[in-house]
């Protein structure tokens, strides 16, 4: 069964879920894999439609990834009216626009039943603040459970209605999110009693070296 276009999927999903707002997001990269941006309020209902609709039957979520978008400037071409040689004309003018940062969760959906896909769907947070939230799709796609936990752990997105939202890679006491683009790696690591390689070089900035020794044994805590 041939897969519908994203525009067709968007129109049928909006008809099936009253009030749903879905945008087709183009992808200018060589992959040319556009996606559907779901509004967070009705994302779960739209995902349920995508899974259960007999034509689509997108019954398998293969992977979920996080994306961090920092504040950025985007150039846009707009039409403006200007008087040129005494005559009013409409000309193109380039304008820079600041786009505030946000976080995304991106899901790749396939149909095992119909053997088609992927259909890529995404959700966006309102901003990059700590504790920012998105609806969990784990109740719809169980395969999303661990991957949403990774995004929670590494990006700081809290997935509402997730059945077991806790860190999966970092330890519980870790206070930051290493995959955020503005994450700053610590200069040394308290859990590494014997620093190695680049960690050793950073550690040397915090310790006084003994000239008669070399390597990890040469570093000793500074007094005070």
N, C-alpha and C. Protein backbone atom coordinates (compact mmCIF):
# COMPACT_ATOMS: atom_id res chain seq x y z
N UNK A 1 0.85 -1.19 0.00
CA UNK A 1 0.00 0.00 0.00
C UNK A 1 0.89 1.25 0.00
N UNK A 2 0.68 2.13 -0.97
CA UNK A 2 1.50 3.33 -1.09
C UNK A 2 1.19 4.29 0.06
N UNK A 3 2.24 4.92 0.55
CA UNK A 3 2.09 5.87 1.64
C UNK A 3 1.62 7.21 1.11
N UNK A 4 0.66 7.80 1.78
CA UNK A 4 0.17 9.12 1.40
C UNK A 4 1.26 10.17 1.57
N UNK A 5 1.07 11.32 0.92
CA UNK A 5 1.98 12.43 1.11
C UNK A 5 1.77 13.03 2.50
N UNK A 6 2.76 13.77 2.99
CA UNK A 6 2.62 14.39 4.31
C UNK A 6 1.46 15.38 4.34
N UNK A 7 1.25 16.06 3.24
CA UNK A 7 0.14 17.02 3.19
C UNK A 7 -1.20 16.28 3.33
N UNK A 8 -1.33 15.14 2.69
CA UNK A 8 -2.56 14.35 2.81
C UNK A 8 -2.73 13.81 4.23
N UNK A 9 -1.63 13.33 4.82
CA UNK A 9 -1.68 12.84 6.21
C UNK A 9 -2.08 13.97 7.15
N UNK A 10 -1.50 15.14 6.94
CA UNK A 10 -1.81 16.30 7.78
C UNK A 10 -3.31 16.63 7.72
N UNK A 11 -3.87 16.70 6.51
CA UNK A 11 -5.28 17.07 6.37
C UNK A 11 -6.20 16.02 7.00
N UNK A 12 -5.89 14.75 6.84
CA UNK A 12 -6.75 13.70 7.42
C UNK A 12 -6.61 13.68 8.94
N UNK A 13 -5.40 13.91 9.45
CA UNK A 13 -5.21 13.92 10.91
C UNK A 13 -5.94 15.11 11.54
N UNK A 14 -5.89 16.26 10.89
CA UNK A 14 -6.60 17.44 11.42
C UNK A 14 -8.11 17.23 11.38
N UNK A 15 -8.59 16.51 10.38
CA UNK A 15 -10.02 16.21 10.31
C UNK A 15 -10.43 15.21 11.39
N UNK A 16 -9.53 14.27 11.69
CA UNK A 16 -9.83 13.23 12.68
C UNK A 16 -9.71 13.73 14.11
N UNK A 17 -8.85 14.73 14.34
CA UNK A 17 -8.62 15.27 15.69
C UNK A 17 -9.01 16.74 15.68
N UNK A 18 -10.24 17.07 16.07
CA UNK A 18 -10.70 18.46 16.04
C UNK A 18 -9.77 19.38 16.82
N UNK A 19 -9.41 20.49 16.22
CA UNK A 19 -8.55 21.48 16.88
C UNK A 19 -7.07 21.24 16.70
N UNK A 20 -6.69 20.10 16.11
CA UNK A 20 -5.27 19.81 15.92
C UNK A 20 -4.66 20.80 14.93
N UNK A 21 -3.46 21.25 15.25
CA UNK A 21 -2.72 22.15 14.37
C UNK A 21 -1.40 21.48 13.99
N UNK A 22 -1.27 21.16 12.72
CA UNK A 22 -0.12 20.41 12.23
C UNK A 22 0.53 21.19 11.10
N UNK A 23 1.86 21.27 11.13
CA UNK A 23 2.60 21.94 10.07
C UNK A 23 3.55 20.96 9.39
N UNK A 24 3.66 21.07 8.07
CA UNK A 24 4.66 20.31 7.34
C UNK A 24 5.96 21.10 7.37
N UNK A 25 7.02 20.51 7.95
CA UNK A 25 8.31 21.17 8.08
C UNK A 25 9.24 20.63 7.00
N UNK A 26 9.66 21.47 6.04
CA UNK A 26 10.56 20.98 4.99
C UNK A 26 11.95 20.69 5.55
N UNK A 27 12.70 19.91 4.83
CA UNK A 27 14.08 19.58 5.21
C UNK A 27 14.97 19.85 4.00
N UNK A 28 15.76 20.94 4.05
CA UNK A 28 16.58 21.30 2.89
C UNK A 28 17.86 20.47 2.75
N UNK A 29 18.11 19.55 3.68
CA UNK A 29 19.33 18.75 3.63
C UNK A 29 19.24 17.72 2.50
N UNK A 30 20.37 17.08 2.16
CA UNK A 30 20.34 16.06 1.10
C UNK A 30 19.35 14.93 1.38
N UNK A 31 19.07 14.66 2.66
CA UNK A 31 18.12 13.60 2.98
C UNK A 31 16.71 13.95 2.51
N UNK A 32 16.39 15.23 2.47
CA UNK A 32 15.08 15.71 2.01
C UNK A 32 13.95 14.94 2.68
N UNK A 33 13.99 14.90 4.00
CA UNK A 33 12.99 14.15 4.76
C UNK A 33 12.14 15.13 5.57
N UNK A 34 11.07 15.65 4.97
CA UNK A 34 10.21 16.58 5.71
C UNK A 34 9.49 15.88 6.85
N UNK A 35 8.90 16.65 7.74
CA UNK A 35 8.26 16.08 8.91
C UNK A 35 6.99 16.84 9.25
N UNK A 36 6.24 16.28 10.19
CA UNK A 36 5.01 16.91 10.67
C UNK A 36 5.25 17.45 12.08
N UNK A 37 5.07 18.75 12.26
CA UNK A 37 5.17 19.37 13.58
C UNK A 37 3.79 19.36 14.22
N UNK A 38 3.66 18.67 15.36
CA UNK A 38 2.38 18.55 16.05
C UNK A 38 2.27 19.59 17.14
N UNK A 39 1.05 20.09 17.35
CA UNK A 39 0.85 20.96 18.51
C UNK A 39 0.80 20.08 19.76
N UNK A 40 1.43 20.54 20.83
CA UNK A 40 1.63 19.70 22.01
C UNK A 40 0.32 19.28 22.67
N UNK A 41 -0.66 20.13 22.62
CA UNK A 41 -1.92 19.83 23.32
C UNK A 41 -2.62 18.60 22.75
N UNK A 42 -2.51 18.43 21.44
CA UNK A 42 -3.24 17.31 20.79
C UNK A 42 -2.29 16.29 20.15
N UNK A 43 -1.02 16.35 20.52
CA UNK A 43 -0.04 15.45 19.91
C UNK A 43 -0.36 13.98 20.19
N UNK A 44 -0.78 13.67 21.40
CA UNK A 44 -1.09 12.27 21.73
C UNK A 44 -2.27 11.75 20.90
N UNK A 45 -3.28 12.60 20.72
CA UNK A 45 -4.44 12.18 19.93
C UNK A 45 -4.04 11.99 18.46
N UNK A 46 -3.19 12.87 17.94
CA UNK A 46 -2.74 12.74 16.55
C UNK A 46 -1.90 11.48 16.38
N UNK A 47 -0.99 11.22 17.33
CA UNK A 47 -0.16 10.02 17.26
C UNK A 47 -1.02 8.75 17.31
N UNK A 48 -2.07 8.78 18.12
CA UNK A 48 -3.00 7.64 18.18
C UNK A 48 -3.68 7.43 16.85
N UNK A 49 -4.07 8.53 16.20
CA UNK A 49 -4.67 8.43 14.87
C UNK A 49 -3.68 7.81 13.88
N UNK A 50 -2.44 8.27 13.90
CA UNK A 50 -1.43 7.75 12.97
C UNK A 50 -1.22 6.24 13.19
N UNK A 51 -1.29 5.81 14.43
CA UNK A 51 -1.09 4.39 14.72
C UNK A 51 -2.30 3.55 14.30
N UNK A 52 -3.51 4.06 14.55
CA UNK A 52 -4.71 3.23 14.40
C UNK A 52 -5.41 3.38 13.06
N UNK A 53 -5.12 4.44 12.32
CA UNK A 53 -5.80 4.64 11.03
C UNK A 53 -5.52 3.47 10.10
N UNK A 54 -6.55 2.85 9.53
CA UNK A 54 -6.34 1.64 8.72
C UNK A 54 -5.50 1.86 7.46
N UNK A 55 -5.47 3.07 6.95
CA UNK A 55 -4.67 3.36 5.75
C UNK A 55 -3.21 3.53 6.13
N UNK A 56 -2.95 4.22 7.25
CA UNK A 56 -1.58 4.50 7.66
C UNK A 56 -1.00 3.35 8.48
N UNK A 57 -1.69 3.00 9.56
CA UNK A 57 -1.26 1.94 10.48
C UNK A 57 0.23 2.07 10.81
N UNK A 58 0.61 3.29 11.27
CA UNK A 58 2.01 3.52 11.68
C UNK A 58 2.18 2.95 13.08
N UNK A 59 2.42 1.65 13.13
CA UNK A 59 2.35 0.91 14.39
C UNK A 59 3.69 0.70 15.07
N UNK A 60 4.76 1.28 14.51
CA UNK A 60 6.09 1.06 15.11
C UNK A 60 6.89 2.36 15.12
N UNK A 61 7.38 2.75 16.30
CA UNK A 61 8.27 3.90 16.44
C UNK A 61 9.70 3.36 16.52
N UNK A 62 10.48 3.62 15.49
CA UNK A 62 11.83 3.03 15.43
C UNK A 62 12.82 3.78 16.30
N UNK A 63 12.72 5.09 16.37
CA UNK A 63 13.66 5.85 17.20
C UNK A 63 13.10 7.23 17.53
N UNK A 64 13.60 7.76 18.64
CA UNK A 64 13.23 9.10 19.11
C UNK A 64 14.53 9.84 19.40
N UNK A 65 14.66 11.05 18.88
CA UNK A 65 15.87 11.83 19.10
C UNK A 65 15.53 13.21 19.62
N UNK A 66 16.46 13.78 20.36
CA UNK A 66 16.32 15.15 20.86
C UNK A 66 17.13 16.10 19.99
N UNK A 67 16.65 17.34 19.89
CA UNK A 67 17.36 18.39 19.15
C UNK A 67 17.32 19.66 19.98
N UNK A 68 18.46 20.32 20.09
CA UNK A 68 18.55 21.58 20.83
C UNK A 68 18.79 22.71 19.82
N UNK A 69 17.88 23.66 19.79
CA UNK A 69 18.01 24.82 18.92
C UNK A 69 18.28 26.05 19.78
N UNK A 70 19.45 26.63 19.65
CA UNK A 70 19.78 27.86 20.35
C UNK A 70 19.10 29.04 19.67
N UNK A 71 19.08 30.19 20.36
CA UNK A 71 18.61 31.41 19.71
C UNK A 71 19.42 31.61 18.42
N UNK A 72 18.74 31.98 17.36
CA UNK A 72 19.46 32.18 16.10
C UNK A 72 18.79 33.26 15.26
N UNK A 73 19.58 33.83 14.37
CA UNK A 73 19.07 34.84 13.46
C UNK A 73 18.79 34.20 12.10
N UNK A 74 17.62 34.50 11.57
CA UNK A 74 17.21 33.95 10.29
C UNK A 74 16.96 35.11 9.32
N UNK A 75 17.51 34.97 8.12
CA UNK A 75 17.29 36.00 7.11
C UNK A 75 16.02 35.69 6.33
N UNK A 76 15.15 36.70 6.21
CA UNK A 76 13.90 36.54 5.49
C UNK A 76 13.79 37.63 4.43
N UNK A 77 13.24 37.25 3.29
CA UNK A 77 13.02 38.22 2.21
C UNK A 77 11.56 38.67 2.25
N UNK A 78 11.37 39.97 2.36
CA UNK A 78 10.01 40.53 2.42
C UNK A 78 9.82 41.54 1.30
N UNK A 79 8.57 41.76 0.95
CA UNK A 79 8.22 42.75 -0.06
C UNK A 79 7.95 44.09 0.62
N UNK A 80 8.60 45.15 0.17
CA UNK A 80 8.36 46.49 0.71
C UNK A 80 8.14 47.46 -0.44
N UNK A 81 7.38 48.50 -0.17
CA UNK A 81 7.12 49.52 -1.19
C UNK A 81 8.08 50.67 -1.00
N UNK A 82 8.76 51.05 -2.07
CA UNK A 82 9.69 52.16 -2.03
C UNK A 82 9.47 53.05 -3.25
N UNK A 83 9.78 54.33 -3.06
CA UNK A 83 9.69 55.28 -4.17
C UNK A 83 11.03 55.31 -4.87
N UNK A 84 11.03 54.89 -6.12
CA UNK A 84 12.24 54.85 -6.93
C UNK A 84 12.01 55.67 -8.18
N UNK A 85 12.88 56.70 -8.37
CA UNK A 85 12.75 57.62 -9.51
C UNK A 85 11.36 58.22 -9.59
N UNK A 86 10.83 58.57 -8.40
CA UNK A 86 9.53 59.22 -8.36
C UNK A 86 8.36 58.30 -8.52
N UNK A 87 8.62 56.99 -8.60
CA UNK A 87 7.54 56.02 -8.80
C UNK A 87 7.57 54.99 -7.68
N UNK A 88 6.40 54.69 -7.10
CA UNK A 88 6.33 53.68 -6.03
C UNK A 88 6.41 52.29 -6.62
N UNK A 89 7.40 51.51 -6.11
CA UNK A 89 7.58 50.16 -6.59
C UNK A 89 7.70 49.20 -5.42
N UNK A 90 7.36 47.94 -5.67
CA UNK A 90 7.49 46.88 -4.67
C UNK A 90 8.80 46.14 -4.93
N UNK A 91 9.66 46.14 -3.91
CA UNK A 91 10.98 45.52 -4.07
C UNK A 91 11.21 44.52 -2.94
N UNK A 92 12.15 43.60 -3.18
CA UNK A 92 12.54 42.63 -2.16
C UNK A 92 13.55 43.25 -1.21
N UNK A 93 13.39 42.97 0.07
CA UNK A 93 14.33 43.46 1.07
C UNK A 93 14.61 42.34 2.07
N UNK A 94 15.88 42.15 2.39
CA UNK A 94 16.28 41.10 3.32
C UNK A 94 16.26 41.64 4.74
N UNK A 95 15.63 40.88 5.63
CA UNK A 95 15.49 41.29 7.02
C UNK A 95 15.94 40.15 7.93
N UNK A 96 16.68 40.49 8.98
CA UNK A 96 17.10 39.49 9.96
C UNK A 96 16.08 39.40 11.09
N UNK A 97 15.72 38.18 11.43
CA UNK A 97 14.72 37.96 12.48
C UNK A 97 15.30 37.02 13.53
N UNK A 98 15.15 37.37 14.81
CA UNK A 98 15.65 36.52 15.89
C UNK A 98 14.62 35.45 16.21
N UNK A 99 15.06 34.19 16.13
CA UNK A 99 14.20 33.06 16.48
C UNK A 99 14.64 32.53 17.84
N UNK A 100 13.79 32.64 18.87
CA UNK A 100 14.17 32.14 20.21
C UNK A 100 14.41 30.64 20.19
N UNK A 101 15.30 30.17 21.06
CA UNK A 101 15.65 28.76 21.11
C UNK A 101 14.54 27.88 21.67
N UNK A 102 14.60 26.61 21.35
CA UNK A 102 13.64 25.62 21.84
C UNK A 102 14.27 24.24 21.74
N UNK A 103 13.60 23.26 22.31
CA UNK A 103 14.03 21.86 22.24
C UNK A 103 12.99 21.07 21.46
N UNK A 104 13.43 20.00 20.81
CA UNK A 104 12.52 19.17 20.04
C UNK A 104 12.67 17.69 20.41
N UNK A 105 11.60 16.96 20.24
CA UNK A 105 11.63 15.50 20.25
C UNK A 105 11.13 15.05 18.88
N UNK A 106 11.92 14.21 18.20
CA UNK A 106 11.63 13.79 16.83
C UNK A 106 11.44 12.28 16.80
N UNK A 107 10.30 11.83 16.25
CA UNK A 107 9.93 10.41 16.23
C UNK A 107 9.85 9.92 14.77
N UNK A 108 10.45 8.75 14.51
CA UNK A 108 10.36 8.12 13.19
C UNK A 108 9.38 6.94 13.28
N UNK A 109 8.30 7.04 12.52
CA UNK A 109 7.23 6.04 12.58
C UNK A 109 7.20 5.20 11.30
N UNK A 110 7.00 3.92 11.47
CA UNK A 110 6.88 2.98 10.35
C UNK A 110 5.62 2.14 10.53
N UNK A 111 5.19 1.54 9.43
CA UNK A 111 4.10 0.58 9.48
C UNK A 111 4.65 -0.81 9.20
N UNK A 112 4.62 -1.65 10.21
CA UNK A 112 4.98 -3.06 10.00
C UNK A 112 3.85 -3.76 9.24
N UNK A 113 2.62 -3.35 9.54
CA UNK A 113 1.46 -3.95 8.89
C UNK A 113 1.50 -3.75 7.38
N UNK A 114 1.73 -2.47 6.96
CA UNK A 114 1.69 -2.15 5.53
C UNK A 114 3.08 -2.04 4.90
N UNK A 115 4.12 -2.16 5.74
CA UNK A 115 5.50 -2.08 5.24
C UNK A 115 5.78 -0.77 4.50
N UNK A 116 5.45 0.34 5.15
CA UNK A 116 5.83 1.64 4.60
C UNK A 116 6.30 2.57 5.71
N UNK A 117 6.88 3.68 5.31
CA UNK A 117 7.45 4.65 6.24
C UNK A 117 8.85 5.05 5.80
N UNK A 118 9.53 5.93 6.52
CA UNK A 118 9.03 6.51 7.77
C UNK A 118 8.17 7.74 7.55
N UNK A 119 7.35 8.02 8.55
CA UNK A 119 6.72 9.32 8.71
C UNK A 119 7.35 9.95 9.94
N UNK A 120 7.94 11.12 9.77
CA UNK A 120 8.65 11.78 10.86
C UNK A 120 7.74 12.82 11.49
N UNK A 121 7.54 12.71 12.81
CA UNK A 121 6.75 13.70 13.53
C UNK A 121 7.64 14.33 14.61
N UNK A 122 7.33 15.56 14.97
CA UNK A 122 8.13 16.25 15.98
C UNK A 122 7.26 17.13 16.85
N UNK A 123 7.76 17.38 18.06
CA UNK A 123 7.12 18.31 18.98
C UNK A 123 8.18 19.29 19.47
N UNK A 124 7.76 20.51 19.78
CA UNK A 124 8.69 21.54 20.23
C UNK A 124 8.27 22.10 21.59
N UNK A 125 9.26 22.41 22.40
CA UNK A 125 8.99 23.09 23.66
C UNK A 125 8.83 24.59 23.40
N UNK A 126 8.29 25.28 24.37
CA UNK A 126 8.10 26.73 24.22
C UNK A 126 9.43 27.47 24.30
N UNK A 127 10.40 26.91 25.05
CA UNK A 127 11.69 27.56 25.23
C UNK A 127 12.71 26.52 25.69
N UNK A 128 13.87 26.99 26.12
CA UNK A 128 14.93 26.09 26.58
C UNK A 128 15.08 26.12 28.10
N UNK A 129 14.09 26.60 28.81
CA UNK A 129 14.19 26.70 30.26
C UNK A 129 14.25 25.31 30.89
N UNK A 130 14.82 25.26 32.09
CA UNK A 130 14.87 23.98 32.82
C UNK A 130 13.44 23.55 33.17
N UNK A 131 13.22 22.25 33.09
CA UNK A 131 11.90 21.73 33.43
C UNK A 131 10.88 21.88 32.33
N UNK A 132 11.32 22.25 31.13
CA UNK A 132 10.38 22.42 30.03
C UNK A 132 9.74 21.08 29.68
N UNK A 133 8.51 21.09 29.16
CA UNK A 133 7.72 19.87 29.08
C UNK A 133 7.18 19.59 27.68
N UNK A 134 7.01 18.29 27.41
CA UNK A 134 6.33 17.80 26.21
C UNK A 134 5.48 16.60 26.62
N UNK A 135 4.42 16.29 25.88
CA UNK A 135 3.66 15.07 26.18
C UNK A 135 4.46 13.84 25.80
N UNK A 136 4.38 12.81 26.60
CA UNK A 136 5.04 11.55 26.28
C UNK A 136 4.20 10.76 25.28
N UNK A 137 4.88 10.15 24.30
CA UNK A 137 4.20 9.25 23.37
C UNK A 137 4.44 7.79 23.73
N UNK A 138 5.07 7.54 24.87
CA UNK A 138 5.28 6.16 25.32
C UNK A 138 3.97 5.40 25.53
N UNK A 139 2.92 6.04 26.06
CA UNK A 139 1.65 5.28 26.18
C UNK A 139 1.10 4.81 24.83
N UNK A 140 1.55 5.42 23.73
CA UNK A 140 1.09 5.04 22.39
C UNK A 140 2.09 4.12 21.71
N UNK A 141 3.39 4.47 21.85
CA UNK A 141 4.48 3.67 21.28
C UNK A 141 5.40 3.26 22.41
N UNK A 142 5.29 2.03 22.87
CA UNK A 142 6.09 1.59 24.02
C UNK A 142 7.59 1.64 23.74
N UNK A 143 7.97 1.51 22.47
CA UNK A 143 9.39 1.56 22.11
C UNK A 143 10.01 2.93 22.38
N UNK A 144 9.19 3.94 22.64
CA UNK A 144 9.71 5.28 22.92
C UNK A 144 10.17 5.44 24.36
N UNK A 145 9.90 4.46 25.21
CA UNK A 145 10.13 4.64 26.66
C UNK A 145 11.56 5.00 27.00
N UNK A 146 12.52 4.16 26.63
CA UNK A 146 13.92 4.42 26.99
C UNK A 146 14.47 5.63 26.25
N UNK A 147 14.01 5.85 25.02
CA UNK A 147 14.54 6.96 24.24
C UNK A 147 14.03 8.31 24.76
N UNK A 148 12.79 8.36 25.23
CA UNK A 148 12.34 9.59 25.90
C UNK A 148 13.11 9.82 27.19
N UNK A 149 13.46 8.73 27.88
CA UNK A 149 14.29 8.88 29.08
C UNK A 149 15.66 9.45 28.74
N UNK A 150 16.22 9.05 27.62
CA UNK A 150 17.51 9.61 27.19
C UNK A 150 17.38 11.11 26.94
N UNK A 151 16.30 11.53 26.28
CA UNK A 151 16.10 12.95 26.00
C UNK A 151 15.89 13.72 27.29
N UNK A 152 15.15 13.14 28.22
CA UNK A 152 14.99 13.75 29.55
C UNK A 152 16.34 13.90 30.23
N UNK A 153 17.15 12.87 30.17
CA UNK A 153 18.45 12.86 30.84
C UNK A 153 19.42 13.85 30.19
N UNK A 154 19.54 13.81 28.87
CA UNK A 154 20.59 14.54 28.17
C UNK A 154 20.19 15.93 27.71
N UNK A 155 18.87 16.18 27.59
CA UNK A 155 18.40 17.50 27.14
C UNK A 155 17.55 18.23 28.18
N UNK A 156 17.01 17.50 29.15
CA UNK A 156 16.22 18.14 30.19
C UNK A 156 14.76 18.32 29.87
N UNK A 157 14.22 17.59 28.88
CA UNK A 157 12.80 17.68 28.56
C UNK A 157 12.02 16.74 29.47
N UNK A 158 11.03 17.24 30.16
CA UNK A 158 10.17 16.42 31.02
C UNK A 158 8.98 15.93 30.19
N UNK A 159 8.84 14.62 30.07
CA UNK A 159 7.76 14.04 29.28
C UNK A 159 6.59 13.69 30.19
N UNK A 160 5.51 14.44 30.06
CA UNK A 160 4.32 14.23 30.88
C UNK A 160 3.64 12.91 30.50
N UNK A 161 3.23 12.17 31.50
CA UNK A 161 2.57 10.86 31.36
C UNK A 161 3.53 9.73 31.01
N UNK A 162 4.84 9.99 31.08
CA UNK A 162 5.80 8.90 30.90
C UNK A 162 5.72 7.98 32.11
N UNK A 163 5.72 6.66 31.91
CA UNK A 163 5.50 5.75 33.05
C UNK A 163 6.69 5.62 34.00
N UNK A 164 7.89 6.03 33.59
CA UNK A 164 9.06 5.81 34.45
C UNK A 164 10.16 6.80 34.09
N UNK A 165 9.88 8.08 34.24
CA UNK A 165 10.81 9.12 33.79
C UNK A 165 11.91 9.34 34.83
N UNK A 166 13.08 8.81 34.54
CA UNK A 166 14.26 9.01 35.39
C UNK A 166 15.50 8.90 34.52
N UNK A 167 16.62 9.35 35.06
CA UNK A 167 17.86 9.36 34.29
C UNK A 167 18.21 7.93 33.87
N UNK A 168 18.84 7.82 32.68
CA UNK A 168 19.17 6.50 32.16
C UNK A 168 20.66 6.36 31.85
N UNK A 169 21.36 7.48 31.65
CA UNK A 169 22.79 7.45 31.37
C UNK A 169 23.61 8.14 32.47
N UNK A 170 23.16 9.31 32.90
CA UNK A 170 23.87 10.03 33.95
C UNK A 170 23.34 9.59 35.32
N UNK A 171 24.14 9.80 36.35
CA UNK A 171 23.73 9.41 37.69
C UNK A 171 22.73 10.41 38.25
N UNK A 172 21.98 10.00 39.26
CA UNK A 172 20.86 10.80 39.76
C UNK A 172 21.28 12.18 40.24
N UNK A 173 22.48 12.30 40.82
CA UNK A 173 22.92 13.57 41.39
C UNK A 173 23.43 14.55 40.33
N UNK A 174 23.59 14.11 39.11
CA UNK A 174 24.08 15.00 38.05
C UNK A 174 23.06 16.09 37.79
N UNK A 175 23.52 17.34 37.68
CA UNK A 175 22.59 18.46 37.67
C UNK A 175 22.43 19.12 36.30
N UNK A 176 23.14 18.64 35.30
CA UNK A 176 23.08 19.31 34.00
C UNK A 176 22.63 18.33 32.92
N UNK A 177 22.65 18.79 31.66
CA UNK A 177 22.18 17.99 30.53
C UNK A 177 23.23 18.06 29.42
N UNK A 178 24.07 17.02 29.29
CA UNK A 178 25.27 17.10 28.46
C UNK A 178 25.05 17.29 26.96
N UNK A 179 23.86 17.03 26.43
CA UNK A 179 23.65 17.19 25.00
C UNK A 179 23.14 18.58 24.62
N UNK A 180 22.91 19.42 25.62
CA UNK A 180 22.54 20.80 25.28
C UNK A 180 23.75 21.52 24.69
N UNK A 181 23.50 22.36 23.70
CA UNK A 181 24.60 22.98 22.98
C UNK A 181 25.39 23.97 23.82
N UNK A 182 24.80 24.48 24.88
CA UNK A 182 25.54 25.41 25.74
C UNK A 182 26.08 24.72 26.99
N UNK A 183 26.08 23.38 26.99
CA UNK A 183 26.62 22.63 28.13
C UNK A 183 28.12 22.86 28.21
N UNK A 184 28.61 23.09 29.42
CA UNK A 184 30.04 23.30 29.65
C UNK A 184 30.57 22.14 30.49
N UNK A 185 31.49 21.39 29.90
CA UNK A 185 32.06 20.24 30.59
C UNK A 185 32.86 20.71 31.81
N UNK A 186 32.73 20.02 32.95
CA UNK A 186 33.52 20.43 34.13
C UNK A 186 35.01 20.27 33.89
N UNK A 187 35.80 21.05 34.62
CA UNK A 187 37.25 20.99 34.45
C UNK A 187 37.84 19.69 34.98
N UNK A 188 37.23 19.12 36.01
CA UNK A 188 37.69 17.83 36.51
C UNK A 188 36.49 17.04 36.99
N UNK A 189 36.72 15.78 37.32
CA UNK A 189 35.64 14.87 37.65
C UNK A 189 35.92 14.23 39.00
N UNK A 190 35.01 14.47 39.94
CA UNK A 190 35.24 13.94 41.28
C UNK A 190 35.16 12.42 41.33
N UNK A 191 34.51 11.80 40.34
CA UNK A 191 34.37 10.34 40.36
C UNK A 191 35.58 9.64 39.74
N UNK A 192 36.55 10.40 39.18
CA UNK A 192 37.72 9.78 38.56
C UNK A 192 38.94 10.01 39.45
N UNK A 193 39.26 9.09 40.35
CA UNK A 193 40.35 9.30 41.30
C UNK A 193 41.71 9.43 40.64
N UNK A 194 41.90 8.78 39.48
CA UNK A 194 43.15 8.89 38.74
C UNK A 194 42.86 9.46 37.36
N UNK A 195 43.05 10.78 37.16
CA UNK A 195 42.73 11.39 35.87
C UNK A 195 43.62 10.86 34.75
N UNK A 196 43.07 10.81 33.54
CA UNK A 196 43.81 10.34 32.38
C UNK A 196 43.63 11.31 31.23
N UNK A 197 44.61 11.37 30.35
CA UNK A 197 44.56 12.07 29.07
C UNK A 197 44.10 13.51 29.24
N UNK A 198 43.03 13.91 28.48
CA UNK A 198 42.60 15.31 28.53
C UNK A 198 42.06 15.69 29.90
N UNK A 199 41.49 14.71 30.63
CA UNK A 199 41.02 14.99 32.00
C UNK A 199 42.21 15.31 32.88
N UNK A 200 43.34 14.62 32.68
CA UNK A 200 44.54 14.89 33.44
C UNK A 200 45.04 16.30 33.17
N UNK A 201 45.01 16.73 31.91
CA UNK A 201 45.48 18.08 31.58
C UNK A 201 44.62 19.14 32.27
N UNK A 202 43.31 18.91 32.31
CA UNK A 202 42.44 19.85 33.01
C UNK A 202 42.69 19.81 34.51
N UNK A 203 42.91 18.61 35.04
CA UNK A 203 43.13 18.47 36.47
C UNK A 203 44.39 19.19 36.92
N UNK A 204 45.39 19.25 36.04
CA UNK A 204 46.65 19.92 36.39
C UNK A 204 46.43 21.40 36.69
N UNK A 205 45.36 21.97 36.19
CA UNK A 205 45.06 23.38 36.47
C UNK A 205 44.61 23.58 37.91
N UNK A 206 44.21 22.50 38.58
CA UNK A 206 43.68 22.59 39.94
C UNK A 206 44.63 22.01 40.98
N UNK A 207 45.73 21.43 40.52
CA UNK A 207 46.66 20.78 41.44
C UNK A 207 48.08 21.29 41.18
N UNK A 208 48.92 21.20 42.20
CA UNK A 208 50.32 21.57 42.07
C UNK A 208 51.13 20.33 41.73
N UNK A 209 51.94 20.39 40.65
CA UNK A 209 52.72 19.24 40.22
C UNK A 209 54.02 19.14 41.02
N UNK A 210 54.42 17.91 41.31
CA UNK A 210 55.73 17.65 41.92
C UNK A 210 56.71 17.35 40.80
N UNK A 211 57.78 18.15 40.63
CA UNK A 211 58.68 18.01 39.48
C UNK A 211 59.31 16.63 39.37
N UNK A 212 59.52 15.94 40.52
CA UNK A 212 60.23 14.67 40.45
C UNK A 212 59.34 13.54 39.96
N UNK A 213 58.02 13.78 39.83
CA UNK A 213 57.10 12.74 39.39
C UNK A 213 56.49 13.11 38.04
N UNK A 214 55.97 12.14 37.37
CA UNK A 214 55.35 12.38 36.07
C UNK A 214 54.01 11.67 36.04
N UNK A 215 53.08 12.15 35.19
CA UNK A 215 51.79 11.47 35.03
C UNK A 215 50.86 11.73 36.18
N UNK A 216 49.92 10.79 36.39
CA UNK A 216 48.85 10.99 37.37
C UNK A 216 49.39 11.10 38.78
N UNK A 217 50.56 10.40 39.08
CA UNK A 217 51.08 10.46 40.45
C UNK A 217 51.64 11.82 40.80
N UNK A 218 51.85 12.68 39.80
CA UNK A 218 52.53 13.95 40.05
C UNK A 218 51.59 15.02 40.56
N UNK A 219 50.30 14.78 40.58
CA UNK A 219 49.39 15.83 41.00
C UNK A 219 48.98 15.63 42.45
N UNK A 220 49.00 16.71 43.18
CA UNK A 220 48.61 16.68 44.58
C UNK A 220 47.70 17.88 44.86
N UNK A 221 46.77 17.75 45.77
CA UNK A 221 45.88 18.87 46.07
C UNK A 221 46.64 20.09 46.53
N UNK A 222 46.16 21.26 46.10
CA UNK A 222 46.73 22.50 46.58
C UNK A 222 46.36 22.71 48.05
N UNK A 223 47.22 23.37 48.78
CA UNK A 223 46.92 23.68 50.16
C UNK A 223 45.86 24.75 50.24
N UNK A 224 45.10 24.71 51.31
CA UNK A 224 44.13 25.77 51.52
C UNK A 224 42.75 25.36 51.19
